Amino acid sequence: EAPALIRNVLLASASIPGVFPPVYVRVQTPDGSTYDEMHVDGG
């Protein structure tokens, strides 16, 4: 899933909040559960 993650990170960094949709990154927590993080423009 590394190539898809890289493209999503690039998309998120260029996604102005409110104008462009945020990118939801799937993450894992220590208890084994899966959640999402909302990532937007690095600017």
PDB file of all heavy atoms in Angstrom:
ATOM      1  N   GLU A   1       0.808  -1.218   0.000  1.00  0.00           N
ATOM      2  CA  GLU A   1       0.000   0.000   0.000  1.00  0.00           C
ATOM      3  C   GLU A   1       0.842   1.271   0.000  1.00  0.00           C
ATOM      4  O   GLU A   1       0.300   2.375   0.036  1.00  0.00           O
ATOM      5  CB  GLU A   1      -0.926   0.004   1.231  1.00  0.00           C
ATOM      6  CG  GLU A   1      -1.957  -1.117   1.211  1.00  0.00           C
ATOM      7  CD  GLU A   1      -2.836  -1.120   2.447  1.00  0.00           C
ATOM      8  OE1 GLU A   1      -2.895  -0.071   3.126  1.00  0.00           O
ATOM      9  OE2 GLU A   1      -3.463  -2.157   2.731  1.00  0.00           O
ATOM     10  N   ALA A   2       2.171   1.119  -0.070  1.00  0.00           N
ATOM     11  CA  ALA A   2       3.053   2.292  -0.014  1.00  0.00           C
ATOM     12  C   ALA A   2       2.816   3.270  -1.169  1.00  0.00           C
ATOM     13  O   ALA A   2       2.734   4.489  -0.935  1.00  0.00           O
ATOM     14  CB  ALA A   2       4.514   1.850   0.030  1.00  0.00           C
ATOM     15  N   PRO A   3       2.713   2.813  -2.426  1.00  0.00           N
ATOM     16  CA  PRO A   3       2.483   3.776  -3.520  1.00  0.00           C
ATOM     17  C   PRO A   3       1.206   4.587  -3.333  1.00  0.00           C
ATOM     18  O   PRO A   3       1.198   5.809  -3.560  1.00  0.00           O
ATOM     19  CB  PRO A   3       2.408   2.880  -4.769  1.00  0.00           C
ATOM     20  CG  PRO A   3       3.222   1.676  -4.410  1.00  0.00           C
ATOM     21  CD  PRO A   3       2.940   1.444  -2.952  1.00  0.00           C
ATOM     22  N   ALA A   4       0.129   3.937  -2.909  1.00  0.00           N
ATOM     23  CA  ALA A   4      -1.134   4.649  -2.702  1.00  0.00           C
ATOM     24  C   ALA A   4      -1.002   5.656  -1.562  1.00  0.00           C
ATOM     25  O   ALA A   4      -1.529   6.776  -1.636  1.00  0.00           O
ATOM     26  CB  ALA A   4      -2.256   3.654  -2.400  1.00  0.00           C
ATOM     27  N   LEU A   5      -0.276   5.283  -0.503  1.00  0.00           N
ATOM     28  CA  LEU A   5      -0.083   6.207   0.616  1.00  0.00           C
ATOM     29  C   LEU A   5       0.705   7.430   0.172  1.00  0.00           C
ATOM     30  O   LEU A   5       0.359   8.565   0.527  1.00  0.00           O
ATOM     31  CB  LEU A   5       0.650   5.507   1.763  1.00  0.00           C
ATOM     32  CG  LEU A   5       1.009   6.397   2.959  1.00  0.00           C
ATOM     33  CD1 LEU A   5      -0.251   6.978   3.606  1.00  0.00           C
ATOM     34  CD2 LEU A   5       1.836   5.619   3.984  1.00  0.00           C
ATOM     35  N   ILE A   6       1.750   7.233  -0.617  1.00  0.00           N
ATOM     36  CA  ILE A   6       2.556   8.360  -1.094  1.00  0.00           C
ATOM     37  C   ILE A   6       1.699   9.327  -1.897  1.00  0.00           C
ATOM     38  O   ILE A   6       1.741  10.548  -1.686  1.00  0.00           O
ATOM     39  CB  ILE A   6       3.748   7.859  -1.933  1.00  0.00           C
ATOM     40  CG1 ILE A   6       4.770   7.181  -1.016  1.00  0.00           C
ATOM     41  CG2 ILE A   6       4.405   9.009  -2.705  1.00  0.00           C
ATOM     42  CD1 ILE A   6       5.890   6.477  -1.754  1.00  0.00           C
ATOM     43  N   ARG A   7       0.900   8.804  -2.800  1.00  0.00           N
ATOM     44  CA  ARG A   7       0.047   9.682  -3.615  1.00  0.00           C
ATOM     45  C   ARG A   7      -0.972  10.408  -2.745  1.00  0.00           C
ATOM     46  O   ARG A   7      -1.283  11.579  -2.984  1.00  0.00           O
ATOM     47  CB  ARG A   7      -0.646   8.859  -4.697  1.00  0.00           C
ATOM     48  CG  ARG A   7       0.334   8.257  -5.720  1.00  0.00           C
ATOM     49  CD  ARG A   7      -0.367   7.427  -6.777  1.00  0.00           C
ATOM     50  NE  ARG A   7       0.605   6.692  -7.579  1.00  0.00           N
ATOM     51  CZ  ARG A   7       0.739   5.367  -7.587  1.00  0.00           C
ATOM     52  NH1 ARG A   7      -0.060   4.611  -6.834  1.00  0.00           N
ATOM     53  NH2 ARG A   7       1.664   4.782  -8.327  1.00  0.00           N
ATOM     54  N   ASN A   8      -1.509   9.727  -1.746  1.00  0.00           N
ATOM     55  CA  ASN A   8      -2.477  10.362  -0.847  1.00  0.00           C
ATOM     56  C   ASN A   8      -1.831  11.459  -0.002  1.00  0.00           C
ATOM     57  O   ASN A   8      -2.448  12.500   0.260  1.00  0.00           O
ATOM     58  CB  ASN A   8      -3.120   9.314   0.067  1.00  0.00           C
ATOM     59  CG  ASN A   8      -4.250   8.562  -0.605  1.00  0.00           C
ATOM     60  OD1 ASN A   8      -4.855   9.062  -1.555  1.00  0.00           O
ATOM     61  ND2 ASN A   8      -4.531   7.362  -0.135  1.00  0.00           N
ATOM     62  N   VAL A   9      -0.593  11.247   0.427  1.00  0.00           N
ATOM     63  CA  VAL A   9       0.111  12.268   1.204  1.00  0.00           C
ATOM     64  C   VAL A   9       0.353  13.509   0.346  1.00  0.00           C
ATOM     65  O   VAL A   9       0.151  14.644   0.795  1.00  0.00           O
ATOM     66  CB  VAL A   9       1.439  11.708   1.757  1.00  0.00           C
ATOM     67  CG1 VAL A   9       2.317  12.834   2.310  1.00  0.00           C
ATOM     68  CG2 VAL A   9       1.170  10.678   2.841  1.00  0.00           C
ATOM     69  N   LEU A  10       0.770  13.303  -0.906  1.00  0.00           N
ATOM     70  CA  LEU A  10       0.981  14.437  -1.812  1.00  0.00           C
ATOM     71  C   LEU A  10      -0.325  15.185  -2.042  1.00  0.00           C
ATOM     72  O   LEU A  10      -0.359  16.424  -2.039  1.00  0.00           O
ATOM     73  CB  LEU A  10       1.546  13.948  -3.147  1.00  0.00           C
ATOM     74  CG  LEU A  10       2.916  13.257  -3.120  1.00  0.00           C
ATOM     75  CD1 LEU A  10       3.314  12.815  -4.526  1.00  0.00           C
ATOM     76  CD2 LEU A  10       3.977  14.160  -2.534  1.00  0.00           C
ATOM     77  N   LEU A  11      -1.405  14.431  -2.233  1.00  0.00           N
ATOM     78  CA  LEU A  11      -2.719  15.046  -2.438  1.00  0.00           C
ATOM     79  C   LEU A  11      -3.144  15.823  -1.200  1.00  0.00           C
ATOM     80  O   LEU A  11      -3.636  16.959  -1.294  1.00  0.00           O
ATOM     81  CB  LEU A  11      -3.749  13.959  -2.767  1.00  0.00           C
ATOM     82  CG  LEU A  11      -5.189  14.426  -3.006  1.00  0.00           C
ATOM     83  CD1 LEU A  11      -5.264  15.356  -4.208  1.00  0.00           C
ATOM     84  CD2 LEU A  11      -6.114  13.216  -3.202  1.00  0.00           C
ATOM     85  N   ALA A  12      -2.938  15.241  -0.027  1.00  0.00           N
ATOM     86  CA  ALA A  12      -3.324  15.907   1.218  1.00  0.00           C
ATOM     87  C   ALA A  12      -2.561  17.204   1.412  1.00  0.00           C
ATOM     88  O   ALA A  12      -3.137  18.228   1.797  1.00  0.00           O
ATOM     89  CB  ALA A  12      -3.078  14.978   2.409  1.00  0.00           C
ATOM     90  N   SER A  13      -1.258  17.179   1.122  1.00  0.00           N
ATOM     91  CA  SER A  13      -0.439  18.373   1.337  1.00  0.00           C
ATOM     92  C   SER A  13      -0.893  19.532   0.472  1.00  0.00           C
ATOM     93  O   SER A  13      -0.669  20.690   0.826  1.00  0.00           O
ATOM     94  CB  SER A  13       1.035  18.066   1.061  1.00  0.00           C
ATOM     95  OG  SER A  13       1.850  19.172   1.412  1.00  0.00           O
ATOM     96  N   ALA A  14      -1.536  19.234  -0.663  1.00  0.00           N
ATOM     97  CA  ALA A  14      -1.994  20.279  -1.587  1.00  0.00           C
ATOM     98  C   ALA A  14      -3.486  20.567  -1.451  1.00  0.00           C
ATOM     99  O   ALA A  14      -4.047  21.305  -2.270  1.00  0.00           O
ATOM    100  CB  ALA A  14      -1.675  19.869  -3.020  1.00  0.00           C
ATOM    101  N   SER A  15      -4.135  20.005  -0.431  1.00  0.00           N
ATOM    102  CA  SER A  15      -5.588  20.125  -0.298  1.00  0.00           C
ATOM    103  C   SER A  15      -5.965  21.238   0.679  1.00  0.00           C
ATOM    104  O   SER A  15      -6.000  21.043   1.898  1.00  0.00           O
ATOM    105  CB  SER A  15      -6.188  18.789   0.170  1.00  0.00           C
ATOM    106  OG  SER A  15      -5.997  17.794  -0.813  1.00  0.00           O
ATOM    107  N   ILE A  16      -6.263  22.409   0.120  1.00  0.00           N
ATOM    108  CA  ILE A  16      -6.643  23.565   0.935  1.00  0.00           C
ATOM    109  C   ILE A  16      -7.940  23.236   1.670  1.00  0.00           C
ATOM    110  O   ILE A  16      -8.952  22.922   1.043  1.00  0.00           O
ATOM    111  CB  ILE A  16      -6.838  24.803   0.055  1.00  0.00           C
ATOM    112  CG1 ILE A  16      -5.540  25.122  -0.693  1.00  0.00           C
ATOM    113  CG2 ILE A  16      -7.287  26.001   0.872  1.00  0.00           C
ATOM    114  CD1 ILE A  16      -5.709  26.130  -1.792  1.00  0.00           C
ATOM    115  N   PRO A  17      -7.938  23.292   3.007  1.00  0.00           N
ATOM    116  CA  PRO A  17      -9.125  22.870   3.757  1.00  0.00           C
ATOM    117  C   PRO A  17     -10.357  23.697   3.422  1.00  0.00           C
ATOM    118  O   PRO A  17     -10.297  24.912   3.324  1.00  0.00           O
ATOM    119  CB  PRO A  17      -8.702  23.059   5.227  1.00  0.00           C
ATOM    120  CG  PRO A  17      -7.535  23.992   5.181  1.00  0.00           C
ATOM    121  CD  PRO A  17      -6.848  23.734   3.876  1.00  0.00           C
ATOM    122  N   GLY A  18     -11.448  22.983   3.225  1.00  0.00           N
ATOM    123  CA  GLY A  18     -12.699  23.644   2.879  1.00  0.00           C
ATOM    124  C   GLY A  18     -12.901  23.750   1.389  1.00  0.00           C
ATOM    125  O   GLY A  18     -14.009  23.582   0.891  1.00  0.00           O
ATOM    126  N   VAL A  19     -11.825  24.021   0.653  1.00  0.00           N
ATOM    127  CA  VAL A  19     -11.907  24.112  -0.801  1.00  0.00           C
ATOM    128  C   VAL A  19     -11.774  22.723  -1.403  1.00  0.00           C
ATOM    129  O   VAL A  19     -12.647  22.246  -2.123  1.00  0.00           O
ATOM    130  CB  VAL A  19     -10.824  25.052  -1.362  1.00  0.00           C
ATOM    131  CG1 VAL A  19     -10.931  25.128  -2.884  1.00  0.00           C
ATOM    132  CG2 VAL A  19     -10.953  26.435  -0.751  1.00  0.00           C
ATOM    133  N   PHE A  20     -10.653  22.053  -1.119  1.00  0.00           N
ATOM    134  CA  PHE A  20     -10.427  20.685  -1.559  1.00  0.00           C
ATOM    135  C   PHE A  20     -10.841  19.741  -0.427  1.00  0.00           C
ATOM    136  O   PHE A  20     -10.697  20.088   0.752  1.00  0.00           O
ATOM    137  CB  PHE A  20      -8.948  20.446  -1.869  1.00  0.00           C
ATOM    138  CG  PHE A  20      -8.457  21.129  -3.111  1.00  0.00           C
ATOM    139  CD1 PHE A  20      -8.399  22.512  -3.197  1.00  0.00           C
ATOM    140  CD2 PHE A  20      -8.038  20.394  -4.210  1.00  0.00           C
ATOM    141  CE1 PHE A  20      -7.946  23.147  -4.333  1.00  0.00           C
ATOM    142  CE2 PHE A  20      -7.568  21.021  -5.351  1.00  0.00           C
ATOM    143  CZ  PHE A  20      -7.524  22.394  -5.420  1.00  0.00           C
ATOM    144  N   PRO A  21     -11.319  18.548  -0.752  1.00  0.00           N
ATOM    145  CA  PRO A  21     -11.659  17.609   0.329  1.00  0.00           C
ATOM    146  C   PRO A  21     -10.405  17.154   1.062  1.00  0.00           C
ATOM    147  O   PRO A  21      -9.331  17.037   0.460  1.00  0.00           O
ATOM    148  CB  PRO A  21     -12.315  16.437  -0.414  1.00  0.00           C
ATOM    149  CG  PRO A  21     -11.837  16.535  -1.822  1.00  0.00           C
ATOM    150  CD  PRO A  21     -11.623  17.995  -2.081  1.00  0.00           C
ATOM    151  N   PRO A  22     -10.505  16.939   2.359  1.00  0.00           N
ATOM    152  CA  PRO A  22      -9.356  16.402   3.093  1.00  0.00           C
ATOM    153  C   PRO A  22      -9.083  14.972   2.652  1.00  0.00           C
ATOM    154  O   PRO A  22      -9.928  14.327   2.019  1.00  0.00           O
ATOM    155  CB  PRO A  22      -9.807  16.459   4.551  1.00  0.00           C
ATOM    156  CG  PRO A  22     -11.292  16.423   4.487  1.00  0.00           C
ATOM    157  CD  PRO A  22     -11.674  17.123   3.221  1.00  0.00           C
ATOM    158  N   VAL A  23      -7.905  14.490   2.994  1.00  0.00           N
ATOM    159  CA  VAL A  23      -7.552  13.099   2.718  1.00  0.00           C
ATOM    160  C   VAL A  23      -7.602  12.343   4.040  1.00  0.00           C
ATOM    161  O   VAL A  23      -7.003  12.766   5.035  1.00  0.00           O
ATOM    162  CB  VAL A  23      -6.143  12.999   2.090  1.00  0.00           C
ATOM    163  CG1 VAL A  23      -5.708  11.538   1.965  1.00  0.00           C
ATOM    164  CG2 VAL A  23      -6.141  13.668   0.715  1.00  0.00           C
ATOM    165  N   TYR A  24      -8.328  11.253   4.044  1.00  0.00           N
ATOM    166  CA  TYR A  24      -8.474  10.459   5.260  1.00  0.00           C
ATOM    167  C   TYR A  24      -7.466   9.306   5.209  1.00  0.00           C
ATOM    168  O   TYR A  24      -7.551   8.430   4.345  1.00  0.00           O
ATOM    169  CB  TYR A  24      -9.902   9.935   5.385  1.00  0.00           C
ATOM    170  CG  TYR A  24     -10.914  11.057   5.463  1.00  0.00           C
ATOM    171  CD1 TYR A  24     -11.605  11.491   4.331  1.00  0.00           C
ATOM    172  CD2 TYR A  24     -11.149  11.712   6.668  1.00  0.00           C
ATOM    173  CE1 TYR A  24     -12.512  12.536   4.400  1.00  0.00           C
ATOM    174  CE2 TYR A  24     -12.061  12.761   6.748  1.00  0.00           C
ATOM    175  CZ  TYR A  24     -12.732  13.164   5.610  1.00  0.00           C
ATOM    176  OH  TYR A  24     -13.628  14.213   5.680  1.00  0.00           O
ATOM    177  N   VAL A  25      -6.516   9.338   6.120  1.00  0.00           N
ATOM    178  CA  VAL A  25      -5.451   8.342   6.157  1.00  0.00           C
ATOM    179  C   VAL A  25      -5.796   7.268   7.182  1.00  0.00           C
ATOM    180  O   VAL A  25      -6.073   7.575   8.346  1.00  0.00           O
ATOM    181  CB  VAL A  25      -4.100   8.994   6.517  1.00  0.00           C
ATOM    182  CG1 VAL A  25      -2.999   7.935   6.626  1.00  0.00           C
ATOM    183  CG2 VAL A  25      -3.731  10.043   5.479  1.00  0.00           C
ATOM    184  N   ARG A  26      -5.779   6.030   6.748  1.00  0.00           N
ATOM    185  CA  ARG A  26      -6.077   4.916   7.645  1.00  0.00           C
ATOM    186  C   ARG A  26      -4.876   4.623   8.538  1.00  0.00           C
ATOM    187  O   ARG A  26      -3.748   4.487   8.052  1.00  0.00           O
ATOM    188  CB  ARG A  26      -6.433   3.665   6.842  1.00  0.00           C
ATOM    189  CG  ARG A  26      -6.944   2.515   7.707  1.00  0.00           C
ATOM    190  CD  ARG A  26      -7.391   1.367   6.853  1.00  0.00           C
ATOM    191  NE  ARG A  26      -6.284   0.810   6.082  1.00  0.00           N
ATOM    192  CZ  ARG A  26      -6.410  -0.175   5.200  1.00  0.00           C
ATOM    193  NH1 ARG A  26      -7.611  -0.669   4.953  1.00  0.00           N
ATOM    194  NH2 ARG A  26      -5.368  -0.637   4.562  1.00  0.00           N
ATOM    195  N   VAL A  27      -5.115   4.555   9.825  1.00  0.00           N
ATOM    196  CA  VAL A  27      -4.033   4.328  10.792  1.00  0.00           C
ATOM    197  C   VAL A  27      -4.434   3.218  11.764  1.00  0.00           C
ATOM    198  O   VAL A  27      -5.608   2.858  11.878  1.00  0.00           O
ATOM    199  CB  VAL A  27      -3.695   5.611  11.581  1.00  0.00           C
ATOM    200  CG1 VAL A  27      -3.216   6.704  10.646  1.00  0.00           C
ATOM    201  CG2 VAL A  27      -4.900   6.089  12.398  1.00  0.00           C
ATOM    202  N   GLN A  28      -3.422   2.705  12.457  1.00  0.00           N
ATOM    203  CA  GLN A  28      -3.641   1.665  13.453  1.00  0.00           C
ATOM    204  C   GLN A  28      -3.207   2.198  14.820  1.00  0.00           C
ATOM    205  O   GLN A  28      -2.275   2.993  14.932  1.00  0.00           O
ATOM    206  CB  GLN A  28      -2.830   0.393  13.120  1.00  0.00           C
ATOM    207  CG  GLN A  28      -3.172  -0.238  11.781  1.00  0.00           C
ATOM    208  CD  GLN A  28      -2.531   0.473  10.596  1.00  0.00           C
ATOM    209  OE1 GLN A  28      -1.372   0.881  10.674  1.00  0.00           O
ATOM    210  NE2 GLN A  28      -3.284   0.622   9.518  1.00  0.00           N
ATOM    211  N   THR A  29      -3.882   1.753  15.873  1.00  0.00           N
ATOM    212  CA  THR A  29      -3.546   2.173  17.228  1.00  0.00           C
ATOM    213  C   THR A  29      -3.015   0.977  18.018  1.00  0.00           C
ATOM    214  O   THR A  29      -3.189  -0.177  17.596  1.00  0.00           O
ATOM    215  CB  THR A  29      -4.783   2.769  17.928  1.00  0.00           C
ATOM    216  OG1 THR A  29      -5.879   1.839  17.841  1.00  0.00           O
ATOM    217  CG2 THR A  29      -5.183   4.083  17.279  1.00  0.00           C
ATOM    218  N   PRO A  30      -2.369   1.243  19.151  1.00  0.00           N
ATOM    219  CA  PRO A  30      -1.745   0.150  19.914  1.00  0.00           C
ATOM    220  C   PRO A  30      -2.692  -0.975  20.328  1.00  0.00           C
ATOM    221  O   PRO A  30      -2.244  -2.098  20.559  1.00  0.00           O
ATOM    222  CB  PRO A  30      -1.179   0.869  21.146  1.00  0.00           C
ATOM    223  CG  PRO A  30      -0.910   2.265  20.669  1.00  0.00           C
ATOM    224  CD  PRO A  30      -2.017   2.565  19.717  1.00  0.00           C
ATOM    225  N   ASP A  31      -3.977  -0.667  20.414  1.00  0.00           N
ATOM    226  CA  ASP A  31      -4.922  -1.714  20.821  1.00  0.00           C
ATOM    227  C   ASP A  31      -5.371  -2.575  19.645  1.00  0.00           C
ATOM    228  O   ASP A  31      -6.245  -3.435  19.799  1.00  0.00           O
ATOM    229  CB  ASP A  31      -6.134  -1.100  21.522  1.00  0.00           C
ATOM    230  CG  ASP A  31      -6.994  -0.251  20.593  1.00  0.00           C
ATOM    231  OD1 ASP A  31      -6.522   0.085  19.487  1.00  0.00           O
ATOM    232  OD2 ASP A  31      -8.140   0.083  20.968  1.00  0.00           O
ATOM    233  N   GLY A  32      -4.778  -2.321  18.437  1.00  0.00           N
ATOM    234  CA  GLY A  32      -5.099  -3.131  17.263  1.00  0.00           C
ATOM    235  C   GLY A  32      -6.259  -2.614  16.440  1.00  0.00           C
ATOM    236  O   GLY A  32      -6.628  -3.218  15.429  1.00  0.00           O
ATOM    237  N   SER A  33      -6.842  -1.494  16.834  1.00  0.00           N
ATOM    238  CA  SER A  33      -7.986  -0.935  16.103  1.00  0.00           C
ATOM    239  C   SER A  33      -7.512  -0.078  14.927  1.00  0.00           C
ATOM    240  O   SER A  33      -6.384   0.399  14.895  1.00  0.00           O
ATOM    241  CB  SER A  33      -8.850  -0.088  17.035  1.00  0.00           C
ATOM    242  OG  SER A  33      -9.337  -0.855  18.114  1.00  0.00           O
ATOM    243  N   THR A  34      -8.421   0.103  13.960  1.00  0.00           N
ATOM    244  CA  THR A  34      -8.144   0.931  12.787  1.00  0.00           C
ATOM    245  C   THR A  34      -9.053   2.153  12.794  1.00  0.00           C
ATOM    246  O   THR A  34     -10.265   2.039  13.022  1.00  0.00           O
ATOM    247  CB  THR A  34      -8.368   0.124  11.484  1.00  0.00           C
ATOM    248  OG1 THR A  34      -7.474  -0.979  11.458  1.00  0.00           O
ATOM    249  CG2 THR A  34      -8.101   0.996  10.259  1.00  0.00           C
ATOM    250  N   TYR A  35      -8.444   3.303  12.570  1.00  0.00           N
ATOM    251  CA  TYR A  35      -9.188   4.560  12.554  1.00  0.00           C
ATOM    252  C   TYR A  35      -8.745   5.382  11.343  1.00  0.00           C
ATOM    253  O   TYR A  35      -7.925   4.933  10.531  1.00  0.00           O
ATOM    254  CB  TYR A  35      -8.922   5.359  13.837  1.00  0.00           C
ATOM    255  CG  TYR A  35      -9.378   4.666  15.104  1.00  0.00           C
ATOM    256  CD1 TYR A  35      -8.476   3.919  15.870  1.00  0.00           C
ATOM    257  CD2 TYR A  35     -10.689   4.772  15.547  1.00  0.00           C
ATOM    258  CE1 TYR A  35      -8.890   3.293  17.046  1.00  0.00           C
ATOM    259  CE2 TYR A  35     -11.111   4.151  16.724  1.00  0.00           C
ATOM    260  CZ  TYR A  35     -10.206   3.414  17.459  1.00  0.00           C
ATOM    261  OH  TYR A  35     -10.609   2.802  18.615  1.00  0.00           O
ATOM    262  N   ASP A  36      -9.298   6.610  11.232  1.00  0.00           N
ATOM    263  CA  ASP A  36      -8.838   7.511  10.175  1.00  0.00           C
ATOM    264  C   ASP A  36      -8.385   8.834  10.761  1.00  0.00           C
ATOM    265  O   ASP A  36      -8.900   9.282  11.788  1.00  0.00           O
ATOM    266  CB  ASP A  36      -9.925   7.740   9.111  1.00  0.00           C
ATOM    267  CG  ASP A  36     -11.129   8.516   9.624  1.00  0.00           C
ATOM    268  OD1 ASP A  36     -10.984   9.727   9.910  1.00  0.00           O
ATOM    269  OD2 ASP A  36     -12.230   7.928   9.738  1.00  0.00           O
ATOM    270  N   GLU A  37      -7.388   9.437  10.114  1.00  0.00           N
ATOM    271  CA  GLU A  37      -6.917  10.781  10.431  1.00  0.00           C
ATOM    272  C   GLU A  37      -7.282  11.696   9.281  1.00  0.00           C
ATOM    273  O   GLU A  37      -7.205  11.296   8.111  1.00  0.00           O
ATOM    274  CB  GLU A  37      -5.393  10.812  10.615  1.00  0.00           C
ATOM    275  CG  GLU A  37      -4.871  10.063  11.818  1.00  0.00           C
ATOM    276  CD  GLU A  37      -3.351  10.055  11.864  1.00  0.00           C
ATOM    277  OE1 GLU A  37      -2.716  10.340  10.819  1.00  0.00           O
ATOM    278  OE2 GLU A  37      -2.795   9.733  12.922  1.00  0.00           O
ATOM    279  N   MET A  38      -7.655  12.935   9.588  1.00  0.00           N
ATOM    280  CA  MET A  38      -7.977  13.907   8.555  1.00  0.00           C
ATOM    281  C   MET A  38      -6.741  14.768   8.268  1.00  0.00           C
ATOM    282  O   MET A  38      -6.267  15.495   9.138  1.00  0.00           O
ATOM    283  CB  MET A  38      -9.137  14.806   8.999  1.00  0.00           C
ATOM    284  CG  MET A  38      -9.516  15.863   7.967  1.00  0.00           C
ATOM    285  SD  MET A  38     -10.807  17.010   8.550  1.00  0.00           S
ATOM    286  CE  MET A  38     -12.262  15.950   8.517  1.00  0.00           C
ATOM    287  N   HIS A  39      -6.223  14.665   7.043  1.00  0.00           N
ATOM    288  CA  HIS A  39      -5.033  15.426   6.660  1.00  0.00           C
ATOM    289  C   HIS A  39      -5.376  16.415   5.550  1.00  0.00           C
ATOM    290  O   HIS A  39      -6.084  16.089   4.592  1.00  0.00           O
ATOM    291  CB  HIS A  39      -3.917  14.486   6.202  1.00  0.00           C
ATOM    292  CG  HIS A  39      -3.255  13.776   7.334  1.00  0.00           C
ATOM    293  ND1 HIS A  39      -2.063  14.201   7.888  1.00  0.00           N
ATOM    294  CD2 HIS A  39      -3.638  12.678   8.032  1.00  0.00           C
ATOM    295  CE1 HIS A  39      -1.735  13.385   8.881  1.00  0.00           C
ATOM    296  NE2 HIS A  39      -2.678  12.453   8.991  1.00  0.00           N
ATOM    297  N   VAL A  40      -4.836  17.644   5.705  1.00  0.00           N
ATOM    298  CA  VAL A  40      -5.081  18.719   4.744  1.00  0.00           C
ATOM    299  C   VAL A  40      -3.762  19.409   4.405  1.00  0.00           C
ATOM    300  O   VAL A  40      -2.680  18.979   4.826  1.00  0.00           O
ATOM    301  CB  VAL A  40      -6.103  19.744   5.286  1.00  0.00           C
ATOM    302  CG1 VAL A  40      -7.450  19.075   5.549  1.00  0.00           C
ATOM    303  CG2 VAL A  40      -5.581  20.421   6.554  1.00  0.00           C
ATOM    304  N   ASP A  41      -3.884  20.494   3.678  1.00  0.00           N
ATOM    305  CA  ASP A  41      -2.760  21.283   3.179  1.00  0.00           C
ATOM    306  C   ASP A  41      -1.688  21.525   4.238  1.00  0.00           C
ATOM    307  O   ASP A  41      -1.969  22.060   5.312  1.00  0.00           O
ATOM    308  CB  ASP A  41      -3.305  22.628   2.688  1.00  0.00           C
ATOM    309  CG  ASP A  41      -2.324  23.398   1.817  1.00  0.00           C
ATOM    310  OD1 ASP A  41      -1.109  23.154   1.914  1.00  0.00           O
ATOM    311  OD2 ASP A  41      -2.794  24.250   1.042  1.00  0.00           O
ATOM    312  N   GLY A  42      -0.436  21.152   3.914  1.00  0.00           N
ATOM    313  CA  GLY A  42       0.668  21.433   4.819  1.00  0.00           C
ATOM    314  C   GLY A  42       0.851  22.915   5.042  1.00  0.00           C
ATOM    315  O   GLY A  42       1.392  23.344   6.075  1.00  0.00           O
ATOM    316  N   GLY A  43       0.393  23.740   4.080  1.00  0.00           N
ATOM    317  CA  GLY A  43       0.505  25.185   4.203  1.00  0.00           C
ATOM    318  C   GLY A  43      -0.347  25.754   5.318  1.00  0.00           C
ATOM    319  O   GLY A  43      -0.172  26.917   5.702  1.00  0.00           O
TER     320      GLY A  43
END
